[in-house]
Amino acid sequence: MTTIEIEYCVPCGMLNRAQDVQEAILRQYGDAVDRVSLVTGDDGIFVVRADDTVVFDKTEDDYDVDAIVRELRAHVGKN
């Protein structure tokens, strides 16, 4: 099953965004993923990875919870 990791910047106060993404992922794919982890970081990071593949990076993409969930569709259930 797929492992999803959400790395977020603690000093920037991105915990709420990380939790929103985590909740949306679990609502959509809860029974098809092995784990959705919140990983603390710094330096403004907000990255979502599926099995070590970056599917969202705030430095390259606009923050949109629904778009992140859609991007994950291609990765969920591949293992």
PDB file of N, CA and C in Angstrom:
ATOM      1  N   MET A   1       0.840  -1.188   0.000  1.00  0.00           N
ATOM      2  CA  MET A   1       0.000   0.000   0.000  1.00  0.00           C
ATOM      3  C   MET A   1       0.879   1.242   0.000  1.00  0.00           C
ATOM      4  N   THR A   2       0.284   2.356  -0.274  1.00  0.00           N
ATOM      5  CA  THR A   2       0.981   3.619  -0.414  1.00  0.00           C
ATOM      6  C   THR A   2       1.226   4.268   0.943  1.00  0.00           C
ATOM      7  N   THR A   3       2.409   4.833   1.099  1.00  0.00           N
ATOM      8  CA  THR A   3       2.750   5.619   2.280  1.00  0.00           C
ATOM      9  C   THR A   3       2.835   7.077   1.855  1.00  0.00           C
ATOM     10  N   ILE A   4       2.111   7.931   2.544  1.00  0.00           N
ATOM     11  CA  ILE A   4       2.097   9.357   2.222  1.00  0.00           C
ATOM     12  C   ILE A   4       2.706  10.126   3.380  1.00  0.00           C
ATOM     13  N   GLU A   5       3.556  11.078   3.027  1.00  0.00           N
ATOM     14  CA  GLU A   5       4.251  11.902   4.018  1.00  0.00           C
ATOM     15  C   GLU A   5       3.984  13.369   3.704  1.00  0.00           C
ATOM     16  N   ILE A   6       3.583  14.108   4.720  1.00  0.00           N
ATOM     17  CA  ILE A   6       3.365  15.547   4.595  1.00  0.00           C
ATOM     18  C   ILE A   6       4.397  16.227   5.483  1.00  0.00           C
ATOM     19  N   GLU A   7       5.385  16.863   4.873  1.00  0.00           N
ATOM     20  CA  GLU A   7       6.414  17.575   5.629  1.00  0.00           C
ATOM     21  C   GLU A   7       6.064  19.055   5.631  1.00  0.00           C
ATOM     22  N   TYR A   8       6.000  19.638   6.817  1.00  0.00           N
ATOM     23  CA  TYR A   8       5.544  21.018   6.942  1.00  0.00           C
ATOM     24  C   TYR A   8       6.449  21.811   7.870  1.00  0.00           C
ATOM     25  N   CYS A   9       6.480  23.117   7.657  1.00  0.00           N
ATOM     26  CA  CYS A   9       7.321  24.018   8.450  1.00  0.00           C
ATOM     27  C   CYS A   9       6.626  24.349   9.770  1.00  0.00           C
ATOM     28  N   VAL A  10       7.251  23.960  10.861  1.00  0.00           N
ATOM     29  CA  VAL A  10       6.706  24.243  12.191  1.00  0.00           C
ATOM     30  C   VAL A  10       6.788  25.742  12.513  1.00  0.00           C
ATOM     31  N   PRO A  11       7.967  26.382  12.362  1.00  0.00           N
ATOM     32  CA  PRO A  11       8.045  27.804  12.694  1.00  0.00           C
ATOM     33  C   PRO A  11       7.108  28.684  11.860  1.00  0.00           C
ATOM     34  N   CYS A  12       6.750  28.241  10.667  1.00  0.00           N
ATOM     35  CA  CYS A  12       5.868  29.017   9.783  1.00  0.00           C
ATOM     36  C   CYS A  12       4.399  28.863  10.154  1.00  0.00           C
ATOM     37  N   GLY A  13       4.088  27.929  11.048  1.00  0.00           N
ATOM     38  CA  GLY A  13       2.711  27.715  11.466  1.00  0.00           C
ATOM     39  C   GLY A  13       1.870  26.968  10.444  1.00  0.00           C
ATOM     40  N   MET A  14       2.468  26.013   9.748  1.00  0.00           N
ATOM     41  CA  MET A  14       1.758  25.280   8.699  1.00  0.00           C
ATOM     42  C   MET A  14       1.082  23.997   9.184  1.00  0.00           C
ATOM     43  N   LEU A  15       1.011  23.804  10.485  1.00  0.00           N
ATOM     44  CA  LEU A  15       0.380  22.600  11.021  1.00  0.00           C
ATOM     45  C   LEU A  15      -1.068  22.473  10.560  1.00  0.00           C
ATOM     46  N   ASN A  16      -1.830  23.560  10.591  1.00  0.00           N
ATOM     47  CA  ASN A  16      -3.240  23.493  10.188  1.00  0.00           C
ATOM     48  C   ASN A  16      -3.383  23.045   8.742  1.00  0.00           C
ATOM     49  N   ARG A  17      -2.541  23.561   7.850  1.00  0.00           N
ATOM     50  CA  ARG A  17      -2.586  23.139   6.445  1.00  0.00           C
ATOM     51  C   ARG A  17      -2.256  21.647   6.332  1.00  0.00           C
ATOM     52  N   ALA A  18      -1.235  21.224   7.052  1.00  0.00           N
ATOM     53  CA  ALA A  18      -0.828  19.818   7.005  1.00  0.00           C
ATOM     54  C   ALA A  18      -1.965  18.922   7.488  1.00  0.00           C
ATOM     55  N   GLN A  19      -2.629  19.324   8.550  1.00  0.00           N
ATOM     56  CA  GLN A  19      -3.743  18.539   9.067  1.00  0.00           C
ATOM     57  C   GLN A  19      -4.925  18.526   8.100  1.00  0.00           C
ATOM     58  N   ASP A  20      -5.179  19.655   7.434  1.00  0.00           N
ATOM     59  CA  ASP A  20      -6.259  19.707   6.446  1.00  0.00           C
ATOM     60  C   ASP A  20      -5.991  18.738   5.294  1.00  0.00           C
ATOM     61  N   VAL A  21      -4.750  18.716   4.815  1.00  0.00           N
ATOM     62  CA  VAL A  21      -4.383  17.813   3.723  1.00  0.00           C
ATOM     63  C   VAL A  21      -4.481  16.362   4.202  1.00  0.00           C
ATOM     64  N   GLN A  22      -3.973  16.094   5.392  1.00  0.00           N
ATOM     65  CA  GLN A  22      -4.030  14.741   5.942  1.00  0.00           C
ATOM     66  C   GLN A  22      -5.482  14.258   6.041  1.00  0.00           C
ATOM     67  N   GLU A  23      -6.356  15.091   6.559  1.00  0.00           N
ATOM     68  CA  GLU A  23      -7.762  14.714   6.706  1.00  0.00           C
ATOM     69  C   GLU A  23      -8.408  14.443   5.345  1.00  0.00           C
ATOM     70  N   ALA A  24      -8.134  15.283   4.363  1.00  0.00           N
ATOM     71  CA  ALA A  24      -8.711  15.102   3.028  1.00  0.00           C
ATOM     72  C   ALA A  24      -8.217  13.807   2.385  1.00  0.00           C
ATOM     73  N   ILE A  25      -6.943  13.506   2.570  1.00  0.00           N
ATOM     74  CA  ILE A  25      -6.374  12.271   2.025  1.00  0.00           C
ATOM     75  C   ILE A  25      -7.027  11.054   2.678  1.00  0.00           C
ATOM     76  N   LEU A  26      -7.161  11.093   3.989  1.00  0.00           N
ATOM     77  CA  LEU A  26      -7.765   9.966   4.698  1.00  0.00           C
ATOM     78  C   LEU A  26      -9.239   9.793   4.335  1.00  0.00           C
ATOM     79  N   ARG A  27      -9.946  10.898   4.130  1.00  0.00           N
ATOM     80  CA  ARG A  27     -11.347  10.808   3.716  1.00  0.00           C
ATOM     81  C   ARG A  27     -11.463  10.145   2.344  1.00  0.00           C
ATOM     82  N   GLN A  28     -10.574  10.522   1.435  1.00  0.00           N
ATOM     83  CA  GLN A  28     -10.651  10.013   0.065  1.00  0.00           C
ATOM     84  C   GLN A  28     -10.068   8.608  -0.090  1.00  0.00           C
ATOM     85  N   TYR A  29      -8.920   8.364   0.556  1.00  0.00           N
ATOM     86  CA  TYR A  29      -8.175   7.124   0.300  1.00  0.00           C
ATOM     87  C   TYR A  29      -7.900   6.310   1.558  1.00  0.00           C
ATOM     88  N   GLY A  30      -8.592   6.564   2.633  1.00  0.00           N
ATOM     89  CA  GLY A  30      -8.298   5.961   3.923  1.00  0.00           C
ATOM     90  C   GLY A  30      -8.039   4.472   3.928  1.00  0.00           C
ATOM     91  N   ASP A  31      -8.820   3.715   3.177  1.00  0.00           N
ATOM     92  CA  ASP A  31      -8.643   2.266   3.179  1.00  0.00           C
ATOM     93  C   ASP A  31      -7.639   1.791   2.132  1.00  0.00           C
ATOM     94  N   ALA A  32      -7.100   2.722   1.336  1.00  0.00           N
ATOM     95  CA  ALA A  32      -6.170   2.348   0.261  1.00  0.00           C
ATOM     96  C   ALA A  32      -4.738   2.796   0.524  1.00  0.00           C
ATOM     97  N   VAL A  33      -4.510   3.447   1.666  1.00  0.00           N
ATOM     98  CA  VAL A  33      -3.158   3.886   2.015  1.00  0.00           C
ATOM     99  C   VAL A  33      -2.702   3.191   3.285  1.00  0.00           C
ATOM    100  N   ASP A  34      -1.401   2.978   3.360  1.00  0.00           N
ATOM    101  CA  ASP A  34      -0.834   2.339   4.542  1.00  0.00           C
ATOM    102  C   ASP A  34      -0.699   3.339   5.679  1.00  0.00           C
ATOM    103  N   ARG A  35      -0.265   4.561   5.317  1.00  0.00           N
ATOM    104  CA  ARG A  35       0.005   5.554   6.357  1.00  0.00           C
ATOM    105  C   ARG A  35       0.006   6.947   5.743  1.00  0.00           C
ATOM    106  N   VAL A  36      -0.485   7.932   6.511  1.00  0.00           N
ATOM    107  CA  VAL A  36      -0.357   9.343   6.163  1.00  0.00           C
ATOM    108  C   VAL A  36       0.332   9.995   7.347  1.00  0.00           C
ATOM    109  N   SER A  37       1.600  10.367   7.157  1.00  0.00           N
ATOM    110  CA  SER A  37       2.422  10.874   8.255  1.00  0.00           C
ATOM    111  C   SER A  37       2.619  12.379   8.154  1.00  0.00           C
ATOM    112  N   LEU A  38       2.598  13.029   9.315  1.00  0.00           N
ATOM    113  CA  LEU A  38       2.991  14.432   9.403  1.00  0.00           C
ATOM    114  C   LEU A  38       4.435  14.457   9.880  1.00  0.00           C
ATOM    115  N   VAL A  39       5.282  15.154   9.132  1.00  0.00           N
ATOM    116  CA  VAL A  39       6.711  15.218   9.442  1.00  0.00           C
ATOM    117  C   VAL A  39       7.076  16.683   9.653  1.00  0.00           C
ATOM    118  N   THR A  40       7.652  16.980  10.805  1.00  0.00           N
ATOM    119  CA  THR A  40       8.013  18.363  11.088  1.00  0.00           C
ATOM    120  C   THR A  40       9.256  18.780  10.316  1.00  0.00           C
ATOM    121  N   GLY A  41       9.265  20.049   9.916  1.00  0.00           N
ATOM    122  CA  GLY A  41      10.399  20.602   9.184  1.00  0.00           C
ATOM    123  C   GLY A  41      10.531  22.081   9.483  1.00  0.00           C
ATOM    124  N   ASP A  42      11.366  22.743   8.695  1.00  0.00           N
ATOM    125  CA  ASP A  42      11.553  24.187   8.849  1.00  0.00           C
ATOM    126  C   ASP A  42      11.898  24.796   7.495  1.00  0.00           C
ATOM    127  N   ASP A  43      12.375  26.025   7.497  1.00  0.00           N
ATOM    128  CA  ASP A  43      12.770  26.724   6.272  1.00  0.00           C
ATOM    129  C   ASP A  43      11.630  26.856   5.264  1.00  0.00           C
ATOM    130  N   GLY A  44      10.387  26.941   5.742  1.00  0.00           N
ATOM    131  CA  GLY A  44       9.244  27.179   4.865  1.00  0.00           C
ATOM    132  C   GLY A  44       8.755  25.973   4.087  1.00  0.00           C
ATOM    133  N   ILE A  45       9.221  24.797   4.430  1.00  0.00           N
ATOM    134  CA  ILE A  45       8.870  23.597   3.654  1.00  0.00           C
ATOM    135  C   ILE A  45       7.403  23.213   3.814  1.00  0.00           C
ATOM    136  N   PHE A  46       6.806  22.807   2.710  1.00  0.00           N
ATOM    137  CA  PHE A  46       5.501  22.147   2.714  1.00  0.00           C
ATOM    138  C   PHE A  46       5.494  21.252   1.485  1.00  0.00           C
ATOM    139  N   VAL A  47       5.742  19.970   1.712  1.00  0.00           N
ATOM    140  CA  VAL A  47       5.892  19.000   0.630  1.00  0.00           C
ATOM    141  C   VAL A  47       5.055  17.765   0.960  1.00  0.00           C
ATOM    142  N   VAL A  48       4.375  17.233  -0.059  1.00  0.00           N
ATOM    143  CA  VAL A  48       3.617  15.994   0.093  1.00  0.00           C
ATOM    144  C   VAL A  48       4.287  14.952  -0.807  1.00  0.00           C
ATOM    145  N   ARG A  49       4.609  13.801  -0.216  1.00  0.00           N
ATOM    146  CA  ARG A  49       5.248  12.711  -0.953  1.00  0.00           C
ATOM    147  C   ARG A  49       4.407  11.453  -0.861  1.00  0.00           C
ATOM    148  N   ALA A  50       4.378  10.717  -1.964  1.00  0.00           N
ATOM    149  CA  ALA A  50       3.748   9.395  -2.000  1.00  0.00           C
ATOM    150  C   ALA A  50       4.857   8.412  -2.318  1.00  0.00           C
ATOM    151  N   ASP A  51       5.176   7.546  -1.354  1.00  0.00           N
ATOM    152  CA  ASP A  51       6.266   6.580  -1.530  1.00  0.00           C
ATOM    153  C   ASP A  51       7.533   7.259  -2.052  1.00  0.00           C
ATOM    154  N   ASP A  52       7.927   8.349  -1.421  1.00  0.00           N
ATOM    155  CA  ASP A  52       9.146   9.104  -1.730  1.00  0.00           C
ATOM    156  C   ASP A  52       9.095   9.880  -3.046  1.00  0.00           C
ATOM    157  N   THR A  53       7.953   9.917  -3.729  1.00  0.00           N
ATOM    158  CA  THR A  53       7.793  10.729  -4.930  1.00  0.00           C
ATOM    159  C   THR A  53       7.067  12.008  -4.539  1.00  0.00           C
ATOM    160  N   VAL A  54       7.647  13.154  -4.861  1.00  0.00           N
ATOM    161  CA  VAL A  54       7.023  14.433  -4.526  1.00  0.00           C
ATOM    162  C   VAL A  54       5.821  14.657  -5.442  1.00  0.00           C
ATOM    163  N   VAL A  55       4.652  14.843  -4.824  1.00  0.00           N
ATOM    164  CA  VAL A  55       3.442  15.132  -5.587  1.00  0.00           C
ATOM    165  C   VAL A  55       2.977  16.578  -5.392  1.00  0.00           C
ATOM    166  N   PHE A  56       3.505  17.240  -4.361  1.00  0.00           N
ATOM    167  CA  PHE A  56       3.213  18.654  -4.134  1.00  0.00           C
ATOM    168  C   PHE A  56       4.387  19.288  -3.418  1.00  0.00           C
ATOM    169  N   ASP A  57       4.792  20.471  -3.889  1.00  0.00           N
ATOM    170  CA  ASP A  57       5.841  21.264  -3.248  1.00  0.00           C
ATOM    171  C   ASP A  57       5.409  22.712  -3.343  1.00  0.00           C
ATOM    172  N   LYS A  58       5.252  23.369  -2.220  1.00  0.00           N
ATOM    173  CA  LYS A  58       4.715  24.729  -2.223  1.00  0.00           C
ATOM    174  C   LYS A  58       5.591  25.706  -2.985  1.00  0.00           C
ATOM    175  N   THR A  59       6.861  25.366  -3.196  1.00  0.00           N
ATOM    176  CA  THR A  59       7.722  26.259  -3.971  1.00  0.00           C
ATOM    177  C   THR A  59       7.417  26.180  -5.461  1.00  0.00           C
ATOM    178  N   GLU A  60       6.702  25.137  -5.889  1.00  0.00           N
ATOM    179  CA  GLU A  60       6.406  24.950  -7.308  1.00  0.00           C
ATOM    180  C   GLU A  60       4.912  24.953  -7.625  1.00  0.00           C
ATOM    181  N   ASP A  61       4.068  24.682  -6.636  1.00  0.00           N
ATOM    182  CA  ASP A  61       2.635  24.514  -6.864  1.00  0.00           C
ATOM    183  C   ASP A  61       1.832  25.456  -5.976  1.00  0.00           C
ATOM    184  N   ASP A  62       0.625  25.811  -6.432  1.00  0.00           N
ATOM    185  CA  ASP A  62      -0.296  26.577  -5.599  1.00  0.00           C
ATOM    186  C   ASP A  62      -0.967  25.629  -4.615  1.00  0.00           C
ATOM    187  N   TYR A  63      -1.111  26.093  -3.377  1.00  0.00           N
ATOM    188  CA  TYR A  63      -1.740  25.271  -2.349  1.00  0.00           C
ATOM    189  C   TYR A  63      -3.221  25.118  -2.653  1.00  0.00           C
ATOM    190  N   ASP A  64      -3.654  23.887  -2.853  1.00  0.00           N
ATOM    191  CA  ASP A  64      -5.051  23.558  -3.108  1.00  0.00           C
ATOM    192  C   ASP A  64      -5.256  22.121  -2.638  1.00  0.00           C
ATOM    193  N   VAL A  65      -5.969  21.963  -1.548  1.00  0.00           N
ATOM    194  CA  VAL A  65      -6.154  20.635  -0.950  1.00  0.00           C
ATOM    195  C   VAL A  65      -6.735  19.656  -1.969  1.00  0.00           C
ATOM    196  N   ASP A  66      -7.756  20.077  -2.698  1.00  0.00           N
ATOM    197  CA  ASP A  66      -8.390  19.177  -3.666  1.00  0.00           C
ATOM    198  C   ASP A  66      -7.415  18.763  -4.770  1.00  0.00           C
ATOM    199  N   ALA A  67      -6.587  19.687  -5.221  1.00  0.00           N
ATOM    200  CA  ALA A  67      -5.604  19.364  -6.266  1.00  0.00           C
ATOM    201  C   ALA A  67      -4.568  18.371  -5.749  1.00  0.00           C
ATOM    202  N   ILE A  68      -4.160  18.522  -4.493  1.00  0.00           N
ATOM    203  CA  ILE A  68      -3.198  17.588  -3.905  1.00  0.00           C
ATOM    204  C   ILE A  68      -3.803  16.183  -3.850  1.00  0.00           C
ATOM    205  N   VAL A  69      -5.039  16.090  -3.416  1.00  0.00           N
ATOM    206  CA  VAL A  69      -5.720  14.796  -3.335  1.00  0.00           C
ATOM    207  C   VAL A  69      -5.841  14.173  -4.726  1.00  0.00           C
ATOM    208  N   ARG A  70      -6.178  14.982  -5.727  1.00  0.00           N
ATOM    209  CA  ARG A  70      -6.269  14.461  -7.103  1.00  0.00           C
ATOM    210  C   ARG A  70      -4.918  13.954  -7.598  1.00  0.00           C
ATOM    211  N   GLU A  71      -3.835  14.681  -7.296  1.00  0.00           N
ATOM    212  CA  GLU A  71      -2.498  14.258  -7.709  1.00  0.00           C
ATOM    213  C   GLU A  71      -2.111  12.906  -7.109  1.00  0.00           C
ATOM    214  N   LEU A  72      -2.582  12.647  -5.910  1.00  0.00           N
ATOM    215  CA  LEU A  72      -2.259  11.389  -5.244  1.00  0.00           C
ATOM    216  C   LEU A  72      -2.952  10.185  -5.857  1.00  0.00           C
ATOM    217  N   ARG A  73      -4.038  10.404  -6.567  1.00  0.00           N
ATOM    218  CA  ARG A  73      -4.816   9.299  -7.145  1.00  0.00           C
ATOM    219  C   ARG A  73      -3.935   8.359  -7.965  1.00  0.00           C
ATOM    220  N   ALA A  74      -2.985   8.911  -8.725  1.00  0.00           N
ATOM    221  CA  ALA A  74      -2.114   8.094  -9.571  1.00  0.00           C
ATOM    222  C   ALA A  74      -1.165   7.213  -8.762  1.00  0.00           C
ATOM    223  N   HIS A  75      -0.965   7.556  -7.492  1.00  0.00           N
ATOM    224  CA  HIS A  75      -0.007   6.839  -6.658  1.00  0.00           C
ATOM    225  C   HIS A  75      -0.659   5.851  -5.697  1.00  0.00           C
ATOM    226  N   VAL A  76      -1.898   6.080  -5.342  1.00  0.00           N
ATOM    227  CA  VAL A  76      -2.571   5.238  -4.366  1.00  0.00           C
ATOM    228  C   VAL A  76      -2.933   3.888  -4.991  1.00  0.00           C
ATOM    229  N   GLY A  77      -2.594   2.845  -4.293  1.00  0.00           N
ATOM    230  CA  GLY A  77      -2.957   1.515  -4.720  1.00  0.00           C
ATOM    231  C   GLY A  77      -2.025   0.892  -5.752  1.00  0.00           C
ATOM    232  N   LYS A  78      -0.893   1.540  -6.034  1.00  0.00           N
ATOM    233  CA  LYS A  78       0.042   1.001  -7.033  1.00  0.00           C
ATOM    234  C   LYS A  78       0.916  -0.119  -6.492  1.00  0.00           C
ATOM    235  N   ASN A  79       1.052  -0.182  -5.176  1.00  0.00           N
ATOM    236  CA  ASN A  79       1.949  -1.183  -4.577  1.00  0.00           C
ATOM    237  C   ASN A  79       1.250  -2.507  -4.417  1.00  0.00           C
TER     238      ASN A  79
END
